[in-house]
Amino acid sequence: MPKKKKEKIIYYDDNSTVVDMSGTYRNGKPPERRSTAREKMATFFAAMRMMVLPMCCTLVAFGLIYVFLLLITGSFW
């Protein structure tokens, strides 16, 4: 029974931070760009909107802990 030939995996650059750049230029032509600056900006602001409420909750919690510690030490008044 003949062995199956192992297929080589080829990775292409998709603007992510970790990528194998060995096969990005095929036939002297760069790959087409997958995302525009406008799309990246829209993604950034969508992520920022999701993080505003947790960030505010964290800041309020740290503020309450700080005031509580000030009351315990007696240096609040």
N, C-alpha and C. Protein backbone atom coordinates (compact mmCIF):
# COMPACT_ATOMS: atom_id res chain seq x y z
N MET A 1 0.85 -1.18 0.00
CA MET A 1 0.00 0.00 0.00
C MET A 1 0.90 1.24 0.00
N PRO A 2 0.75 2.13 -0.98
CA PRO A 2 1.60 3.32 -1.04
C PRO A 2 1.23 4.33 0.03
N LYS A 3 2.27 5.03 0.52
CA LYS A 3 2.04 6.05 1.53
C LYS A 3 1.42 7.29 0.90
N LYS A 4 0.57 7.94 1.67
CA LYS A 4 -0.01 9.20 1.20
C LYS A 4 1.02 10.30 1.32
N LYS A 5 1.06 11.15 0.32
CA LYS A 5 2.00 12.26 0.35
C LYS A 5 1.47 13.33 1.31
N LYS A 6 2.34 13.77 2.22
CA LYS A 6 1.94 14.76 3.21
C LYS A 6 1.80 16.12 2.54
N GLU A 7 0.67 16.77 2.76
CA GLU A 7 0.42 18.07 2.16
C GLU A 7 1.09 19.16 2.99
N LYS A 8 1.83 20.03 2.32
CA LYS A 8 2.53 21.12 3.01
C LYS A 8 1.55 22.25 3.29
N ILE A 9 1.58 22.75 4.52
CA ILE A 9 0.71 23.85 4.92
C ILE A 9 1.37 25.16 4.55
N ILE A 10 0.64 26.04 3.90
CA ILE A 10 1.16 27.34 3.50
C ILE A 10 0.41 28.41 4.27
N TYR A 11 1.14 29.30 4.93
CA TYR A 11 0.55 30.38 5.70
C TYR A 11 0.68 31.69 4.93
N TYR A 12 -0.34 32.51 4.96
CA TYR A 12 -0.32 33.82 4.32
C TYR A 12 -0.49 34.90 5.37
N ASP A 13 0.06 36.08 5.11
CA ASP A 13 -0.02 37.20 6.03
C ASP A 13 -1.43 37.76 6.03
N ASP A 14 -2.06 37.81 7.20
CA ASP A 14 -3.39 38.38 7.31
C ASP A 14 -3.41 39.56 8.29
N ASN A 15 -2.29 40.27 8.38
CA ASN A 15 -2.13 41.44 9.25
C ASN A 15 -2.23 41.10 10.73
N SER A 16 -1.99 39.86 11.11
CA SER A 16 -1.94 39.52 12.52
C SER A 16 -0.50 39.67 13.00
N THR A 17 -0.32 39.62 14.31
CA THR A 17 1.01 39.88 14.86
C THR A 17 1.95 38.69 14.72
N VAL A 18 1.42 37.46 14.78
CA VAL A 18 2.26 36.29 14.67
C VAL A 18 1.89 35.58 13.36
N VAL A 19 2.85 35.48 12.47
CA VAL A 19 2.54 34.87 11.17
C VAL A 19 3.82 34.32 10.55
N ASP A 20 3.69 33.28 9.76
CA ASP A 20 4.81 32.76 8.99
C ASP A 20 4.89 33.55 7.69
N MET A 21 5.99 34.27 7.51
CA MET A 21 6.10 35.16 6.35
C MET A 21 6.78 34.48 5.16
N SER A 22 6.93 33.16 5.21
CA SER A 22 7.68 32.49 4.15
C SER A 22 6.95 32.50 2.81
N GLY A 23 5.64 32.54 2.80
CA GLY A 23 4.93 32.43 1.54
C GLY A 23 4.12 33.65 1.18
N THR A 24 4.53 34.81 1.60
CA THR A 24 3.70 35.99 1.36
C THR A 24 3.85 36.53 -0.05
N TYR A 25 5.04 36.46 -0.64
CA TYR A 25 5.24 36.98 -1.99
C TYR A 25 5.32 35.81 -2.97
N ARG A 26 4.25 35.59 -3.67
CA ARG A 26 4.20 34.53 -4.68
C ARG A 26 4.26 35.18 -6.06
N ASN A 27 5.14 34.71 -6.90
CA ASN A 27 5.31 35.22 -8.26
C ASN A 27 5.64 36.71 -8.29
N GLY A 28 6.31 37.21 -7.25
CA GLY A 28 6.72 38.61 -7.21
C GLY A 28 5.62 39.58 -6.87
N LYS A 29 4.42 39.10 -6.58
CA LYS A 29 3.31 39.99 -6.25
C LYS A 29 2.95 39.85 -4.78
N PRO A 30 2.80 40.95 -4.07
CA PRO A 30 2.39 40.85 -2.66
C PRO A 30 0.92 40.43 -2.57
N PRO A 31 0.53 39.82 -1.47
CA PRO A 31 -0.88 39.43 -1.32
C PRO A 31 -1.75 40.67 -1.17
N GLU A 32 -3.01 40.53 -1.54
CA GLU A 32 -3.90 41.68 -1.41
C GLU A 32 -4.17 41.96 0.05
N ARG A 33 -4.35 43.22 0.36
CA ARG A 33 -4.58 43.65 1.73
C ARG A 33 -5.96 43.19 2.19
N ARG A 34 -6.03 42.66 3.40
CA ARG A 34 -7.28 42.08 3.88
C ARG A 34 -8.15 43.05 4.66
N SER A 35 -7.55 44.02 5.32
CA SER A 35 -8.36 44.97 6.08
C SER A 35 -7.82 46.38 5.87
N THR A 36 -8.74 47.32 5.81
CA THR A 36 -8.35 48.71 5.59
C THR A 36 -8.18 49.41 6.93
N ALA A 37 -7.63 50.60 6.89
CA ALA A 37 -7.44 51.38 8.12
C ALA A 37 -8.79 51.71 8.75
N ARG A 38 -9.78 51.97 7.93
CA ARG A 38 -11.12 52.28 8.45
C ARG A 38 -11.72 51.07 9.18
N GLU A 39 -11.52 49.89 8.64
CA GLU A 39 -12.03 48.68 9.30
C GLU A 39 -11.30 48.43 10.61
N LYS A 40 -10.00 48.66 10.63
CA LYS A 40 -9.24 48.49 11.87
C LYS A 40 -9.70 49.50 12.93
N MET A 41 -9.95 50.74 12.50
CA MET A 41 -10.41 51.77 13.44
C MET A 41 -11.80 51.41 13.99
N ALA A 42 -12.68 50.90 13.13
CA ALA A 42 -14.01 50.50 13.58
C ALA A 42 -13.92 49.37 14.59
N THR A 43 -13.03 48.42 14.36
CA THR A 43 -12.84 47.31 15.30
C THR A 43 -12.30 47.82 16.63
N PHE A 44 -11.35 48.76 16.58
CA PHE A 44 -10.78 49.32 17.80
C PHE A 44 -11.85 50.00 18.65
N PHE A 45 -12.68 50.84 18.01
CA PHE A 45 -13.70 51.56 18.78
C PHE A 45 -14.80 50.62 19.27
N ALA A 46 -15.09 49.57 18.54
CA ALA A 46 -16.07 48.60 19.02
C ALA A 46 -15.54 47.90 20.28
N ALA A 47 -14.26 47.58 20.29
CA ALA A 47 -13.66 46.95 21.48
C ALA A 47 -13.62 47.94 22.64
N MET A 48 -13.33 49.21 22.33
CA MET A 48 -13.29 50.23 23.39
C MET A 48 -14.67 50.39 24.05
N ARG A 49 -15.73 50.37 23.23
CA ARG A 49 -17.08 50.52 23.78
C ARG A 49 -17.42 49.37 24.72
N MET A 50 -16.93 48.17 24.41
CA MET A 50 -17.21 47.03 25.28
C MET A 50 -16.45 47.13 26.60
N MET A 51 -15.34 47.87 26.63
CA MET A 51 -14.50 47.93 27.83
C MET A 51 -14.79 49.13 28.73
N VAL A 52 -15.64 50.06 28.31
CA VAL A 52 -15.88 51.26 29.11
C VAL A 52 -16.55 50.92 30.43
N LEU A 53 -17.61 50.14 30.42
CA LEU A 53 -18.33 49.82 31.65
C LEU A 53 -17.46 49.03 32.64
N PRO A 54 -16.75 47.96 32.23
CA PRO A 54 -15.89 47.28 33.19
C PRO A 54 -14.79 48.19 33.75
N MET A 55 -14.27 49.10 32.91
CA MET A 55 -13.23 50.01 33.38
C MET A 55 -13.80 50.95 34.45
N CYS A 56 -14.99 51.47 34.22
CA CYS A 56 -15.61 52.37 35.21
C CYS A 56 -15.90 51.63 36.51
N CYS A 57 -16.39 50.39 36.42
CA CYS A 57 -16.64 49.60 37.63
C CYS A 57 -15.35 49.36 38.41
N THR A 58 -14.28 49.08 37.71
CA THR A 58 -12.99 48.86 38.38
C THR A 58 -12.51 50.13 39.07
N LEU A 59 -12.64 51.27 38.41
CA LEU A 59 -12.21 52.53 39.02
C LEU A 59 -13.05 52.87 40.25
N VAL A 60 -14.36 52.62 40.20
CA VAL A 60 -15.22 52.87 41.37
C VAL A 60 -14.83 51.93 42.51
N ALA A 61 -14.55 50.67 42.20
CA ALA A 61 -14.16 49.72 43.25
C ALA A 61 -12.84 50.14 43.90
N PHE A 62 -11.86 50.54 43.09
CA PHE A 62 -10.59 51.01 43.66
C PHE A 62 -10.81 52.27 44.50
N GLY A 63 -11.67 53.16 44.05
CA GLY A 63 -11.96 54.38 44.82
C GLY A 63 -12.59 54.06 46.16
N LEU A 64 -13.54 53.13 46.17
CA LEU A 64 -14.19 52.74 47.43
C LEU A 64 -13.19 52.08 48.38
N ILE A 65 -12.33 51.24 47.85
CA ILE A 65 -11.31 50.61 48.70
C ILE A 65 -10.37 51.66 49.27
N TYR A 66 -10.01 52.65 48.46
CA TYR A 66 -9.13 53.71 48.92
C TYR A 66 -9.78 54.52 50.04
N VAL A 67 -11.05 54.89 49.87
CA VAL A 67 -11.77 55.64 50.91
C VAL A 67 -11.91 54.79 52.16
N PHE A 68 -12.20 53.51 52.01
CA PHE A 68 -12.31 52.61 53.16
C PHE A 68 -11.00 52.55 53.93
N LEU A 69 -9.89 52.46 53.23
CA LEU A 69 -8.58 52.42 53.90
C LEU A 69 -8.28 53.74 54.59
N LEU A 70 -8.69 54.84 53.97
CA LEU A 70 -8.50 56.14 54.62
C LEU A 70 -9.31 56.25 55.91
N LEU A 71 -10.54 55.71 55.87
CA LEU A 71 -11.38 55.74 57.09
C LEU A 71 -10.79 54.87 58.19
N ILE A 72 -10.23 53.72 57.83
CA ILE A 72 -9.64 52.83 58.84
C ILE A 72 -8.43 53.49 59.49
N THR A 73 -7.58 54.13 58.71
CA THR A 73 -6.37 54.74 59.26
C THR A 73 -6.66 56.03 59.97
N GLY A 74 -7.83 56.64 59.78
CA GLY A 74 -8.18 57.87 60.46
C GLY A 74 -7.65 59.12 59.79
N SER A 75 -7.13 59.02 58.58
CA SER A 75 -6.59 60.20 57.92
C SER A 75 -7.54 60.80 56.90
N PHE A 76 -8.81 60.35 56.92
CA PHE A 76 -9.79 60.88 55.97
C PHE A 76 -10.26 62.27 56.38
N TRP A 77 -10.44 62.49 57.67
CA TRP A 77 -10.95 63.80 58.14
C TRP A 77 -9.82 64.67 58.42
